[in-house]
C-alpha atoms as a PDB file:
ATOM      1  CA  UNK A   1     -16.457  33.663 -10.967  1.00  0.00           C
ATOM      2  CA  UNK A   2     -18.080  31.364 -13.694  1.00  0.00           C
ATOM      3  CA  UNK A   3     -17.906  33.921 -16.530  1.00  0.00           C
ATOM      4  CA  UNK A   4     -13.948  34.097 -15.630  1.00  0.00           C
ATOM      5  CA  UNK A   5     -13.486  30.381 -15.648  1.00  0.00           C
ATOM      6  CA  UNK A   6     -14.957  29.848 -19.003  1.00  0.00           C
ATOM      7  CA  UNK A   7     -12.753  32.848 -20.432  1.00  0.00           C
ATOM      8  CA  UNK A   8      -9.691  30.988 -18.866  1.00  0.00           C
ATOM      9  CA  UNK A   9     -11.202  27.697 -20.566  1.00  0.00           C
ATOM     10  CA  UNK A  10     -11.385  29.084 -23.716  1.00  0.00           C
ATOM     11  CA  UNK A  11      -8.043  31.141 -23.814  1.00  0.00           C
ATOM     12  CA  UNK A  12      -5.994  27.724 -22.765  1.00  0.00           C
ATOM     13  CA  UNK A  13      -8.218  25.496 -25.200  1.00  0.00           C
ATOM     14  CA  UNK A  14      -7.205  27.992 -27.968  1.00  0.00           C
ATOM     15  CA  UNK A  15      -3.239  27.779 -26.272  1.00  0.00           C
ATOM     16  CA  UNK A  16      -3.238  23.712 -26.613  1.00  0.00           C
ATOM     17  CA  UNK A  17      -4.851  23.968 -30.124  1.00  0.00           C
ATOM     18  CA  UNK A  18      -2.035  26.649 -31.241  1.00  0.00           C
ATOM     19  CA  UNK A  19       0.745  24.297 -29.605  1.00  0.00           C
ATOM     20  CA  UNK A  20      -0.269  21.109 -31.266  1.00  0.00           C
ATOM     21  CA  UNK A  21      -0.134  22.584 -34.550  1.00  0.00           C
ATOM     22  CA  UNK A  22       3.469  24.285 -34.117  1.00  0.00           C
ATOM     23  CA  UNK A  23       4.745  20.884 -33.620  1.00  0.00           C
ATOM     24  CA  UNK A  24       7.129  19.654 -36.280  1.00  0.00           C
ATOM     25  CA  UNK A  25       5.801  16.163 -37.820  1.00  0.00           C
ATOM     26  CA  UNK A  26       7.832  13.392 -35.647  1.00  0.00           C
ATOM     27  CA  UNK A  27       8.021  11.322 -39.135  1.00  0.00           C
ATOM     28  CA  UNK A  28       7.962  11.738 -42.862  1.00  0.00           C
ATOM     29  CA  UNK A  29       7.478   9.618 -45.878  1.00  0.00           C
ATOM     30  CA  UNK A  30       6.618   5.980 -45.908  1.00  0.00           C
ATOM     31  CA  UNK A  31       9.522   5.206 -44.494  1.00  0.00           C
ATOM     32  CA  UNK A  32       8.642   7.263 -40.976  1.00  0.00           C
ATOM     33  CA  UNK A  33       5.584   5.553 -41.088  1.00  0.00           C
ATOM     34  CA  UNK A  34       7.112   1.859 -40.845  1.00  0.00           C
ATOM     35  CA  UNK A  35       9.790   2.682 -38.614  1.00  0.00           C
ATOM     36  CA  UNK A  36       8.085   5.173 -36.763  1.00  0.00           C
ATOM     37  CA  UNK A  37       6.917   3.421 -33.896  1.00  0.00           C
ATOM     38  CA  UNK A  38       9.776   1.217 -32.919  1.00  0.00           C
ATOM     39  CA  UNK A  39      11.621   4.296 -32.557  1.00  0.00           C
ATOM     40  CA  UNK A  40       8.740   5.761 -30.151  1.00  0.00           C
ATOM     41  CA  UNK A  41       8.758   2.246 -28.465  1.00  0.00           C
ATOM     42  CA  UNK A  42      12.666   2.052 -27.676  1.00  0.00           C
ATOM     43  CA  UNK A  43      13.274   5.688 -25.989  1.00  0.00           C
ATOM     44  CA  UNK A  44      15.229   7.058 -29.755  1.00  0.00           C
ATOM     45  CA  UNK A  45      14.043  10.430 -29.156  1.00  0.00           C
ATOM     46  CA  UNK A  46      15.970  13.814 -28.532  1.00  0.00           C
ATOM     47  CA  UNK A  47      13.857  16.426 -28.683  1.00  0.00           C
ATOM     48  CA  UNK A  48      15.929  19.842 -27.635  1.00  0.00           C
ATOM     49  CA  UNK A  49      14.839  23.362 -27.879  1.00  0.00           C
ATOM     50  CA  UNK A  50      11.870  24.849 -29.637  1.00  0.00           C
ATOM     51  CA  UNK A  51      10.560  21.101 -30.433  1.00  0.00           C
ATOM     52  CA  UNK A  52      11.489  20.291 -26.019  1.00  0.00           C
ATOM     53  CA  UNK A  53       9.641  23.728 -25.682  1.00  0.00           C
ATOM     54  CA  UNK A  54       6.321  22.759 -27.743  1.00  0.00           C
ATOM     55  CA  UNK A  55       6.233  19.419 -25.968  1.00  0.00           C
ATOM     56  CA  UNK A  56       6.274  20.909 -22.623  1.00  0.00           C
ATOM     57  CA  UNK A  57       3.922  23.444 -22.801  1.00  0.00           C
ATOM     58  CA  UNK A  58       1.303  21.129 -24.827  1.00  0.00           C
ATOM     59  CA  UNK A  59       1.370  18.631 -21.461  1.00  0.00           C
ATOM     60  CA  UNK A  60       1.159  22.089 -19.524  1.00  0.00           C
ATOM     61  CA  UNK A  61      -1.694  23.452 -21.758  1.00  0.00           C
ATOM     62  CA  UNK A  62      -3.372  19.896 -21.565  1.00  0.00           C
ATOM     63  CA  UNK A  63      -3.622  19.373 -17.929  1.00  0.00           C
ATOM     64  CA  UNK A  64      -4.863  23.458 -17.582  1.00  0.00           C
ATOM     65  CA  UNK A  65      -7.415  22.651 -19.562  1.00  0.00           C
ATOM     66  CA  UNK A  66      -9.023  18.902 -17.786  1.00  0.00           C
ATOM     67  CA  UNK A  67      -8.591  20.787 -14.648  1.00  0.00           C
ATOM     68  CA  UNK A  68     -10.590  24.124 -15.782  1.00  0.00           C
ATOM     69  CA  UNK A  69     -12.772  21.911 -17.265  1.00  0.00           C
ATOM     70  CA  UNK A  70     -13.610  19.811 -14.448  1.00  0.00           C
ATOM     71  CA  UNK A  71     -14.010  23.102 -12.217  1.00  0.00           C
ATOM     72  CA  UNK A  72     -16.729  24.635 -14.690  1.00  0.00           C
ATOM     73  CA  UNK A  73     -18.371  21.161 -15.004  1.00  0.00           C
ATOM     74  CA  UNK A  74     -19.104  21.700 -10.902  1.00  0.00           C
ATOM     75  CA  UNK A  75     -20.060  25.416 -10.861  1.00  0.00           C
ATOM     76  CA  UNK A  76     -22.172  24.741 -13.792  1.00  0.00           C
ATOM     77  CA  UNK A  77     -23.874  21.837 -12.021  1.00  0.00           C
ATOM     78  CA  UNK A  78     -23.790  23.375  -8.984  1.00  0.00           C
ATOM     79  CA  UNK A  79     -25.968  26.688 -10.146  1.00  0.00           C
END
């Protein structure tokens, strides 16, 4: 059981890394660095299509990774 959970944890972590790296940058250049925080703060986000899918996939994989990490840690400590 522990080995299967560790394998799933590795797959989830690789998927999380890939999902984060596939996301496009939110702003480019110096002007984006200055105004990017204000746009994010006031909710000027129009994520659609692939960008929205990657954002949701990242959140889901992060939750799966966190939960699996806790479960694997519990099984390792119990053994």
